[in-house]
Protein backbone atom coordinates (compact mmCIF):
# COMPACT_ATOMS: atom_id res chain seq x y z
CA MET A 1 125.04 103.14 110.59
CA LEU A 2 125.27 100.70 107.69
CA PRO A 3 122.17 100.36 105.51
CA SER A 4 120.30 97.06 105.57
CA THR A 5 120.27 94.77 102.55
CA LEU A 6 116.70 95.81 101.78
CA VAL A 7 117.34 99.55 102.13
CA ALA A 8 120.42 99.34 99.91
CA ARG A 9 118.62 97.21 97.31
CA LEU A 10 115.68 99.59 97.11
CA GLN A 11 117.93 102.66 97.00
CA ILE A 12 116.08 104.40 99.81
CA THR A 13 117.73 106.26 102.68
CA LEU A 14 115.22 105.51 105.46
CA PRO A 15 113.84 102.08 106.46
CA ILE A 16 110.27 103.34 106.17
CA ILE A 17 107.63 101.99 103.80
CA GLN A 18 104.27 103.77 103.59
CA GLY A 19 101.40 101.32 103.99
CA PRO A 20 99.31 101.02 100.79
CA MET A 21 95.94 101.87 102.48
CA THR A 22 93.38 101.20 99.75
CA GLY A 23 91.01 104.12 99.39
CA ALA A 24 93.20 106.45 101.42
CA ASP A 25 96.37 106.41 99.33
CA THR A 26 97.15 108.96 96.63
CA PRO A 27 99.99 109.46 94.16
CA ALA A 28 100.84 112.67 96.06
CA LEU A 29 101.30 110.73 99.32
CA ALA A 30 103.42 108.03 97.70
CA ALA A 31 105.57 110.62 95.94
CA ALA A 32 106.08 112.65 99.12
CA VAL A 33 107.21 109.61 101.13
CA SER A 34 109.54 108.43 98.37
CA HIS A 35 110.98 111.92 97.84
CA ALA A 36 111.69 112.14 101.58
CA GLY A 37 113.80 108.96 101.50
CA GLY A 38 111.27 106.24 102.26
CA LEU A 39 109.26 104.03 99.92
CA GLY A 40 105.87 105.40 98.92
CA MET A 41 103.22 102.86 97.96
CA LEU A 42 100.18 102.90 95.69
CA ALA A 43 97.28 100.66 96.72
CA SER A 44 96.21 98.97 93.49
CA GLY A 45 93.84 96.30 94.78
CA THR A 46 90.72 98.17 93.70
CA ARG A 47 92.20 100.23 90.87
CA SER A 48 91.44 99.30 87.27
CA PRO A 49 94.43 98.57 85.01
CA ALA A 50 94.04 102.02 83.43
CA ALA A 51 93.86 103.69 86.84
CA MET A 52 96.96 101.78 87.95
CA ALA A 53 98.90 103.09 84.95
CA GLU A 54 97.73 106.67 85.55
CA ALA A 55 98.53 106.58 89.29
CA ALA A 56 102.05 105.29 88.59
CA ALA A 57 102.54 108.01 85.97
CA GLN A 58 101.41 110.66 88.47
CA VAL A 59 103.98 109.49 91.03
CA ARG A 60 106.71 109.59 88.40
CA ARG A 61 105.72 113.14 87.44
CA GLN A 62 106.28 114.19 91.07
CA THR A 63 109.48 112.32 91.92
CA ASP A 64 112.22 110.26 90.33
CA LYS A 65 112.61 108.19 93.49
CA PRO A 66 111.55 104.51 93.68
CA PHE A 67 108.00 103.61 94.74
CA GLY A 68 105.89 100.50 95.04
CA MET A 69 102.46 99.17 94.08
CA ASN A 70 100.38 96.76 96.17
CA MET A 71 97.78 94.31 94.87
CA PHE A 72 95.14 91.95 96.24
CA VAL A 73 95.67 88.35 95.10
CA GLN A 74 92.08 87.28 94.47
CA ALA A 75 89.74 85.48 92.12
CA THR A 76 86.52 86.99 90.78
CA PRO A 77 83.65 85.35 92.72
CA SER A 78 80.34 83.99 91.45
CA PRO A 79 77.98 84.29 94.44
CA ASP A 80 74.55 82.69 94.41
CA ASP A 81 71.52 84.98 94.21
CA ALA A 82 70.23 84.02 97.65
CA THR A 83 73.47 85.11 99.34
CA VAL A 84 73.44 88.46 97.57
CA ARG A 85 69.75 89.02 98.27
CA ALA A 86 70.12 88.30 101.98
CA ALA A 87 73.10 90.63 102.24
CA LEU A 88 71.20 93.45 100.52
CA GLU A 89 68.24 92.99 102.86
CA ARG A 90 70.51 93.43 105.88
CA LEU A 91 71.97 96.61 104.41
CA ALA A 92 68.69 98.10 103.17
CA PRO A 93 67.86 100.07 106.38
CA LEU A 94 71.28 101.71 106.35
CA TYR A 95 70.97 102.64 102.69
CA ALA A 96 67.49 104.04 103.35
CA GLU A 97 68.86 106.41 106.01
CA LEU A 98 71.01 107.97 103.28
CA GLY A 99 68.15 108.07 100.79
CA LEU A 100 69.54 105.23 98.67
CA GLU A 101 68.31 101.88 97.40
CA PRO A 102 70.87 99.03 97.60
CA THR A 103 71.61 97.46 94.22
CA VAL A 104 73.84 94.75 92.85
CA PRO A 105 77.09 96.37 91.60
CA ALA A 106 78.27 96.04 88.02
CA GLN A 107 81.30 94.02 89.13
CA TRP A 108 82.49 92.41 92.35
CA CYS A 109 86.15 93.30 91.93
CA GLU A 110 88.80 94.07 89.35
CA ASP A 111 90.17 91.20 87.28
CA PHE A 112 93.42 90.16 88.93
CA GLU A 113 95.05 88.86 85.75
CA ALA A 114 94.45 92.16 83.96
CA GLN A 115 95.76 94.06 86.97
CA PHE A 116 98.85 91.86 87.06
CA GLU A 117 99.62 92.67 83.43
CA ALA A 118 99.20 96.38 84.21
CA LEU A 119 101.59 95.98 87.14
CA LEU A 120 104.20 94.40 84.88
CA ALA A 121 103.80 97.24 82.41
CA ALA A 122 104.14 99.88 85.15
CA ARG A 123 107.46 98.34 86.34
CA PRO A 124 107.43 99.78 89.88
CA ALA A 125 110.56 99.33 91.99
CA VAL A 126 108.49 97.22 94.39
CA ALA A 127 105.47 94.97 93.81
CA SER A 128 103.79 93.85 97.02
CA PHE A 129 100.85 91.52 97.56
CA THR A 130 98.26 90.59 100.16
CA PHE A 131 95.18 88.34 100.56
CA GLY A 132 96.92 85.47 98.75
CA ILE A 133 100.14 84.28 97.19
CA LEU A 134 101.66 84.30 93.70
CA SER A 135 103.09 81.35 91.82
CA ALA A 136 106.84 81.09 91.35
CA ALA A 137 106.28 81.81 87.65
CA GLN A 138 104.48 85.08 88.44
CA VAL A 139 107.28 86.13 90.79
CA GLU A 140 109.79 85.44 88.03
CA ARG A 141 107.84 87.62 85.61
CA LEU A 142 107.99 90.48 88.11
CA HIS A 143 111.73 89.96 88.57
CA ALA A 144 112.17 90.10 84.81
CA ALA A 145 110.31 93.44 84.82
CA GLY A 146 112.75 94.76 87.44
CA SER A 147 110.40 94.71 90.44
CA TYR A 148 111.38 93.68 93.97
CA VAL A 149 108.64 91.35 95.28
CA ILE A 150 107.24 91.61 98.81
CA GLY A 151 104.61 89.22 100.17
CA THR A 152 102.41 89.90 103.19
CA ALA A 153 102.42 87.29 105.97
CA THR A 154 100.42 87.11 109.18
CA THR A 155 102.03 83.83 110.31
CA LEU A 156 105.38 82.12 109.93
CA ALA A 157 103.80 79.53 107.62
CA GLU A 158 102.73 82.30 105.25
CA ALA A 159 106.18 83.90 105.40
CA ARG A 160 107.79 80.58 104.50
CA ALA A 161 105.33 80.12 101.63
CA TRP A 162 106.33 83.48 100.16
CA ALA A 163 110.02 82.65 100.52
CA ALA A 164 109.40 79.34 98.74
CA VAL A 165 107.95 81.02 95.62
CA GLY A 166 110.91 83.40 95.37
CA ALA A 167 109.74 86.59 97.10
CA ASP A 168 112.55 89.04 97.86
CA ALA A 169 111.14 90.05 101.25
CA VAL A 170 108.21 89.42 103.57
CA CYS A 171 106.07 92.01 105.36
CA ALA A 172 105.25 90.48 108.76
CA SER A 173 101.88 92.07 109.58
CA GLY A 174 100.96 91.84 113.26
CA MET A 175 97.40 91.78 114.55
CA GLU A 176 97.77 95.39 115.72
CA ALA A 177 97.85 96.64 112.13
CA GLY A 178 94.95 98.63 110.70
CA GLY A 179 92.93 97.63 107.68
CA HIS A 180 92.48 94.19 106.20
CA ARG A 181 94.24 91.13 107.53
CA GLY A 182 96.36 89.51 104.83
CA THR A 183 95.84 85.96 106.08
CA PHE A 184 95.73 83.35 103.32
CA LEU A 185 96.75 80.12 105.07
CA GLY A 186 94.76 78.68 107.95
CA ASP A 187 92.27 80.21 110.34
CA PHE A 188 91.95 83.99 110.75
CA VAL A 189 91.60 83.83 114.53
CA ALA A 190 94.64 81.57 114.94
CA SER A 191 96.59 83.93 112.68
CA MET A 192 96.15 86.91 115.01
CA VAL A 193 99.82 87.03 116.01
CA GLY A 194 101.26 90.24 117.46
CA THR A 195 104.06 92.13 115.76
CA LEU A 196 106.43 91.61 118.69
CA ALA A 197 106.07 87.83 118.37
CA LEU A 198 105.76 87.54 114.58
CA VAL A 199 108.75 89.61 113.47
CA PRO A 200 111.57 87.78 115.30
CA HIS A 201 109.94 84.44 114.50
CA CYS A 202 110.13 85.25 110.78
CA VAL A 203 113.62 86.77 111.04
CA ASP A 204 114.97 83.61 112.68
CA ALA A 205 113.38 81.27 110.13
CA LEU A 206 113.99 83.11 106.84
CA THR A 207 117.02 84.12 104.82
CA ILE A 208 115.20 86.98 103.06
CA PRO A 209 114.56 90.41 104.65
CA VAL A 210 111.59 90.91 106.98
CA ILE A 211 109.56 94.13 107.16
CA ALA A 212 107.65 94.82 110.38
CA ALA A 213 104.08 96.16 110.34
CA GLY A 214 101.54 96.80 113.07
CA ALA A 215 101.14 99.78 115.45
CA ILE A 216 104.49 101.37 114.52
CA MET A 217 103.85 105.09 114.86
CA ASP A 218 107.13 106.82 115.76
CA GLY A 219 110.91 106.53 115.73
CA ARG A 220 110.92 104.42 118.88
CA GLY A 221 108.75 101.87 117.13
CA ILE A 222 111.07 101.85 114.13
CA ALA A 223 114.10 101.30 116.38
CA ALA A 224 112.31 98.52 118.25
CA ALA A 225 111.33 96.73 115.03
CA LEU A 226 114.88 96.92 113.70
CA ALA A 227 116.19 95.64 117.05
CA LEU A 228 113.98 92.57 116.52
CA GLY A 229 115.74 91.93 113.22
CA ALA A 230 113.42 93.64 110.75
CA GLN A 231 115.20 95.53 107.97
CA ALA A 232 112.41 98.09 107.53
CA VAL A 233 108.97 98.99 108.82
CA GLN A 234 105.67 99.50 107.04
CA MET A 235 103.53 102.27 108.52
CA GLY A 236 99.95 102.88 107.45
CA THR A 237 97.92 104.54 110.21
CA ALA A 238 100.74 107.03 110.84
CA PHE A 239 100.28 108.42 107.31
CA LEU A 240 96.46 108.46 107.29
CA ALA A 241 96.32 111.86 108.96
CA CYS A 242 98.65 113.47 106.41
CA PRO A 243 96.92 116.05 104.20
CA GLU A 244 98.06 114.08 101.13
CA SER A 245 95.87 111.10 102.06
CA ALA A 246 92.46 110.78 100.40
CA ILE A 247 90.32 110.45 103.55
CA GLY A 248 87.60 113.00 104.24
CA SER A 249 86.96 115.26 107.21
CA ALA A 250 84.72 112.80 109.08
CA TYR A 251 87.40 110.10 108.89
CA ARG A 252 90.07 112.58 110.03
CA GLU A 253 88.01 113.64 113.02
CA ALA A 254 87.49 110.00 114.01
CA LEU A 255 91.25 109.40 113.79
CA ASN A 256 92.03 112.42 115.95
CA ASN A 257 89.61 111.31 118.66
CA ALA A 258 90.38 107.57 118.74
CA GLN A 259 92.54 105.52 121.09
CA ALA A 260 93.89 101.97 120.80
CA THR A 261 90.89 100.58 122.68
CA ASP A 262 88.53 102.06 120.08
CA THR A 263 89.58 99.67 117.29
CA ARG A 264 88.14 96.22 116.54
CA ILE A 265 88.49 93.48 113.94
CA THR A 266 85.32 93.18 111.86
CA ARG A 267 83.94 91.58 108.67
CA ILE A 268 80.94 93.91 108.51
CA PHE A 269 82.24 96.33 105.89
CA SER A 270 84.03 94.10 103.39
CA GLY A 271 83.53 90.45 104.28
CA ARG A 272 87.18 90.06 105.24
CA PRO A 273 88.56 90.62 108.77
CA ALA A 274 89.89 94.15 109.08
CA ARG A 275 90.78 96.47 111.96
CA GLY A 276 89.05 99.81 112.23
CA ILE A 277 87.53 102.34 114.62
CA VAL A 278 84.23 101.21 116.10
CA ASN A 279 81.22 103.13 114.76
CA ALA A 280 77.45 102.80 114.43
CA MET A 281 77.50 100.46 111.43
CA MET A 282 79.90 98.08 113.13
CA GLU A 283 77.78 97.99 116.27
CA ARG A 284 74.41 97.67 114.48
CA LEU A 285 75.47 94.76 112.27
CA GLN A 286 77.85 92.89 114.58
CA GLY A 287 75.19 90.26 115.27
CA ASP A 288 75.04 89.49 111.54
CA GLU A 289 78.79 89.07 111.12
CA ALA A 290 78.69 85.28 110.79
CA THR A 291 76.35 85.52 107.78
CA VAL A 292 78.14 88.34 105.96
CA PRO A 293 79.33 87.14 102.52
CA ALA A 294 83.07 86.89 101.94
CA TYR A 295 85.26 89.55 100.36
CA PRO A 296 84.89 91.01 97.76
CA ILE A 297 81.11 90.48 97.69
CA GLN A 298 80.28 92.37 100.89
CA ASN A 299 82.86 95.01 100.00
CA ALA A 300 81.09 95.69 96.70
CA LEU A 301 77.63 95.66 98.29
CA THR A 302 78.60 98.27 100.89
CA GLY A 303 80.62 100.42 98.48
CA ALA A 304 77.85 102.85 97.51
CA LEU A 305 76.79 103.17 101.15
CA ARG A 306 80.30 104.07 102.30
CA ARG A 307 80.78 106.54 99.46
CA ALA A 308 77.49 108.26 100.29
CA ALA A 309 78.42 108.44 103.96
CA ALA A 310 81.76 110.02 103.07
CA GLN A 311 80.05 112.61 100.87
CA ALA A 312 77.62 113.40 103.70
CA GLY A 313 80.45 113.74 106.20
CA ARG A 314 79.09 110.87 108.30
CA ALA A 315 81.65 108.66 110.01
CA ASP A 316 78.98 106.29 111.36
CA TYR A 317 78.79 104.28 108.12
CA LEU A 318 82.41 104.56 107.00
CA SER A 319 85.03 101.82 107.21
CA LEU A 320 87.40 103.74 109.48
CA TRP A 321 90.44 101.52 109.04
CA ALA A 322 93.11 102.20 111.66
CA GLY A 323 95.60 100.23 113.72
CA GLN A 324 96.03 100.06 117.48
CA GLY A 325 98.53 102.91 117.29
CA VAL A 326 95.77 105.32 116.22
CA GLY A 327 96.04 107.32 119.44
CA ALA A 328 99.49 108.49 118.32
CA VAL A 329 98.53 109.93 114.91
CA ARG A 330 100.17 113.28 114.15
CA PRO A 331 98.47 115.34 111.44
CA MET A 332 101.23 116.92 109.34
CA PRO A 333 102.46 116.81 105.74
CA ALA A 334 104.10 113.53 104.78
CA ALA A 335 107.51 115.14 104.21
CA ALA A 336 107.44 116.69 107.67
CA LEU A 337 106.36 113.39 109.24
CA MET A 338 109.20 111.59 107.49
CA GLN A 339 111.67 114.12 108.88
CA VAL A 340 110.30 113.70 112.41
CA LEU A 341 110.36 109.90 112.14
CA ALA A 342 113.98 109.95 110.95
CA GLN A 343 115.04 112.17 113.84
CA GLU A 344 113.18 110.06 116.40
CA TRP A 345 114.56 106.81 115.01
CA ARG A 346 118.14 108.04 115.09
CA ALA A 347 117.70 109.42 118.60
CA ALA A 348 116.21 106.13 119.83
CA THR A 349 118.99 104.14 118.15
CA THR A 350 121.68 106.34 119.73
CA ALA A 351 120.06 106.04 123.16
CA ARG A 352 119.91 102.24 122.87
CA ALA A 353 123.59 102.10 121.84
CA THR A 354 124.67 104.07 124.91
């Protein structure tokens, strides 16, 4: 079996990219996936520049294999006081249940320009992006630093936009995927395209490699995505249950008990549409969803609440990000999961060939 252009370029042996999973990723998880032949990823969207540098150094201390770093393309907002006040009032009863008083955070998000400079300094093998798009000049700077650039697309228009600014590959993220939607062009609802439709559409229209993402949980899913023309897959939910991930016991229990029908797209937790397991917070505030402030404002306002819930072992107020494949999670070390995925993929590929 000849390696794809992307696999050969990245010097990996398996067409598997670990989803970044902000808040759940760790250097240990990224290193384990990379060491096992895939591409481990560090989620850097909410990491400070110093934390980005330290996380990259930790991965390099654990493996000499290539890895990637993912960032949120975003501007620092300046919300009006009335919007913030109204949002805090809606959240106050939830905070009170945990014995906390909601307050305005010190910052809404990390400064993207400072993060970008830290990314250039870290020189990861792969630099991937979501929530927005880079300029051609920024892509060139990453190329000069030796990084392979991957842009996230939820529609063909977004995939074409990334190709136009010089991205090396596009991650086609179907609506089944867990976590935040990467949509940056057009309407979120109209951009809810399934993986099965999105991947071949992008493959047929682009000359750069396409990576498939969304509800891919086993080797059969990998084989199916590659049969559609993808050169690799990105898997997030599948790695959430690994002991190397940073999620707590309440989150793990929710994962183990959930099925595909238990996930929904919501803006309640962060202000940006994201798929997760339905819980009490999602149900209590769903009527307020239209008035929730945009990301990253709501994300910052709920941050202390979610951290307190995690410390208390309460899944009811956590953002339980997971894709529609959640019913197929298999708790095991990342290296073992990679071995199983490789075996399943090769078996499925052989069966399809015969």
